[in-house]
């Protein structure tokens, strides 16, 4: 299991905040950018890093692209972390 990109993506507080936003469901880049004081290009960069890490997926719906959490990778991470505790 290669988690290097995932943990690198999670190390940034803005990307963690974006993941928190997506807990409420799929959103467009414009909707994601509203609570942040950053350019659209910066939001796009953060979304790209999260997507490369497997933490989010995107889907085109009409003229918009919607981003949402990829719970599969989150389940893998939590399973791996839980496994570190061993059978105590």
C-alpha atoms as a PDB file:
ATOM      1  CA  UNK A   1       0.000   0.000   0.000  1.00  0.00           C
ATOM      2  CA  UNK A   2       1.501   3.361  -1.026  1.00  0.00           C
ATOM      3  CA  UNK A   3       0.283   6.118   1.249  1.00  0.00           C
ATOM      4  CA  UNK A   4       3.085   8.626   0.583  1.00  0.00           C
ATOM      5  CA  UNK A   5       0.969  10.978  -1.578  1.00  0.00           C
ATOM      6  CA  UNK A   6      -2.007  10.554   0.730  1.00  0.00           C
ATOM      7  CA  UNK A   7      -0.117  11.568   3.856  1.00  0.00           C
ATOM      8  CA  UNK A   8       1.594  14.425   2.013  1.00  0.00           C
ATOM      9  CA  UNK A   9      -1.830  15.702   0.900  1.00  0.00           C
ATOM     10  CA  UNK A  10      -3.181  15.384   4.443  1.00  0.00           C
ATOM     11  CA  UNK A  11      -0.250  17.358   5.878  1.00  0.00           C
ATOM     12  CA  UNK A  12      -1.668  20.633   4.520  1.00  0.00           C
ATOM     13  CA  UNK A  13      -4.338  22.334   6.696  1.00  0.00           C
ATOM     14  CA  UNK A  14      -6.148  23.816   3.685  1.00  0.00           C
ATOM     15  CA  UNK A  15      -6.513  20.393   2.082  1.00  0.00           C
ATOM     16  CA  UNK A  16      -7.804  18.952   5.348  1.00  0.00           C
ATOM     17  CA  UNK A  17     -10.347  21.797   5.472  1.00  0.00           C
ATOM     18  CA  UNK A  18     -11.414  20.978   1.907  1.00  0.00           C
ATOM     19  CA  UNK A  19     -11.966  17.352   2.932  1.00  0.00           C
ATOM     20  CA  UNK A  20     -14.089  18.584   5.849  1.00  0.00           C
ATOM     21  CA  UNK A  21     -16.192  20.616   3.410  1.00  0.00           C
ATOM     22  CA  UNK A  22     -16.720  17.568   1.222  1.00  0.00           C
ATOM     23  CA  UNK A  23     -18.101  15.552   4.155  1.00  0.00           C
ATOM     24  CA  UNK A  24     -21.362  17.335   3.395  1.00  0.00           C
ATOM     25  CA  UNK A  25     -21.470  15.994  -0.165  1.00  0.00           C
ATOM     26  CA  UNK A  26     -20.159  16.773  -3.631  1.00  0.00           C
ATOM     27  CA  UNK A  27     -19.278  20.379  -4.454  1.00  0.00           C
ATOM     28  CA  UNK A  28     -17.921  22.338  -7.405  1.00  0.00           C
ATOM     29  CA  UNK A  29     -14.515  24.034  -7.247  1.00  0.00           C
ATOM     30  CA  UNK A  30     -16.321  27.370  -6.953  1.00  0.00           C
ATOM     31  CA  UNK A  31     -18.311  26.170  -3.954  1.00  0.00           C
ATOM     32  CA  UNK A  32     -15.165  24.732  -2.367  1.00  0.00           C
ATOM     33  CA  UNK A  33     -13.288  27.999  -2.805  1.00  0.00           C
ATOM     34  CA  UNK A  34     -15.909  30.218  -1.109  1.00  0.00           C
ATOM     35  CA  UNK A  35     -14.668  29.853   2.510  1.00  0.00           C
ATOM     36  CA  UNK A  36     -11.014  30.371   1.543  1.00  0.00           C
ATOM     37  CA  UNK A  37      -9.133  33.549   0.721  1.00  0.00           C
ATOM     38  CA  UNK A  38      -7.304  32.153  -2.311  1.00  0.00           C
ATOM     39  CA  UNK A  39      -7.400  32.269  -6.078  1.00  0.00           C
ATOM     40  CA  UNK A  40      -9.234  29.760  -8.205  1.00  0.00           C
ATOM     41  CA  UNK A  41      -5.862  28.484  -9.424  1.00  0.00           C
ATOM     42  CA  UNK A  42      -4.795  27.759  -5.846  1.00  0.00           C
ATOM     43  CA  UNK A  43      -8.054  25.922  -5.119  1.00  0.00           C
ATOM     44  CA  UNK A  44      -7.513  23.945  -8.314  1.00  0.00           C
ATOM     45  CA  UNK A  45      -3.975  23.037  -7.213  1.00  0.00           C
ATOM     46  CA  UNK A  46      -5.219  21.754  -3.842  1.00  0.00           C
ATOM     47  CA  UNK A  47      -7.942  19.722  -5.566  1.00  0.00           C
ATOM     48  CA  UNK A  48      -5.360  18.254  -7.931  1.00  0.00           C
ATOM     49  CA  UNK A  49      -3.138  17.160  -5.023  1.00  0.00           C
ATOM     50  CA  UNK A  50      -6.114  15.592  -3.243  1.00  0.00           C
ATOM     51  CA  UNK A  51      -7.183  13.797  -6.399  1.00  0.00           C
ATOM     52  CA  UNK A  52      -3.660  12.458  -7.072  1.00  0.00           C
ATOM     53  CA  UNK A  53      -3.585  11.172  -3.493  1.00  0.00           C
ATOM     54  CA  UNK A  54      -6.847   9.316  -4.085  1.00  0.00           C
ATOM     55  CA  UNK A  55      -8.670  11.275  -1.396  1.00  0.00           C
ATOM     56  CA  UNK A  56     -11.256  12.792  -3.733  1.00  0.00           C
ATOM     57  CA  UNK A  57     -12.835  11.949  -7.055  1.00  0.00           C
ATOM     58  CA  UNK A  58     -14.442  14.188  -9.629  1.00  0.00           C
ATOM     59  CA  UNK A  59     -17.392  13.855 -11.979  1.00  0.00           C
ATOM     60  CA  UNK A  60     -18.571  16.159 -14.738  1.00  0.00           C
ATOM     61  CA  UNK A  61     -22.249  17.047 -14.478  1.00  0.00           C
ATOM     62  CA  UNK A  62     -23.251  19.351 -17.284  1.00  0.00           C
ATOM     63  CA  UNK A  63     -20.835  22.252 -17.384  1.00  0.00           C
ATOM     64  CA  UNK A  64     -19.568  21.748 -13.817  1.00  0.00           C
ATOM     65  CA  UNK A  65     -17.141  19.304 -12.252  1.00  0.00           C
ATOM     66  CA  UNK A  66     -18.185  18.049  -8.830  1.00  0.00           C
ATOM     67  CA  UNK A  67     -15.642  16.829  -6.290  1.00  0.00           C
ATOM     68  CA  UNK A  68     -16.412  14.336  -3.548  1.00  0.00           C
ATOM     69  CA  UNK A  69     -14.643  12.290  -0.908  1.00  0.00           C
ATOM     70  CA  UNK A  70     -13.226   8.924  -1.902  1.00  0.00           C
ATOM     71  CA  UNK A  71     -14.167   6.895   1.156  1.00  0.00           C
ATOM     72  CA  UNK A  72     -12.378   3.795  -0.152  1.00  0.00           C
ATOM     73  CA  UNK A  73      -8.920   5.279   0.428  1.00  0.00           C
ATOM     74  CA  UNK A  74     -10.036   6.649   3.793  1.00  0.00           C
ATOM     75  CA  UNK A  75     -11.165   3.154   4.808  1.00  0.00           C
ATOM     76  CA  UNK A  76      -7.781   1.746   3.734  1.00  0.00           C
ATOM     77  CA  UNK A  77      -5.916   4.347   5.793  1.00  0.00           C
ATOM     78  CA  UNK A  78      -7.997   3.852   8.920  1.00  0.00           C
ATOM     79  CA  UNK A  79      -7.682   0.077   8.553  1.00  0.00           C
ATOM     80  CA  UNK A  80      -3.912   0.337   8.257  1.00  0.00           C
ATOM     81  CA  UNK A  81      -3.681   2.652  11.283  1.00  0.00           C
ATOM     82  CA  UNK A  82      -5.951   0.370  13.333  1.00  0.00           C
ATOM     83  CA  UNK A  83      -3.704  -2.552  12.381  1.00  0.00           C
ATOM     84  CA  UNK A  84      -0.724  -0.799  13.937  1.00  0.00           C
ATOM     85  CA  UNK A  85      -2.339  -1.198  17.345  1.00  0.00           C
ATOM     86  CA  UNK A  86      -2.040  -4.962  17.020  1.00  0.00           C
ATOM     87  CA  UNK A  87      -4.106  -7.527  18.913  1.00  0.00           C
ATOM     88  CA  UNK A  88      -3.860  -6.267  22.467  1.00  0.00           C
END
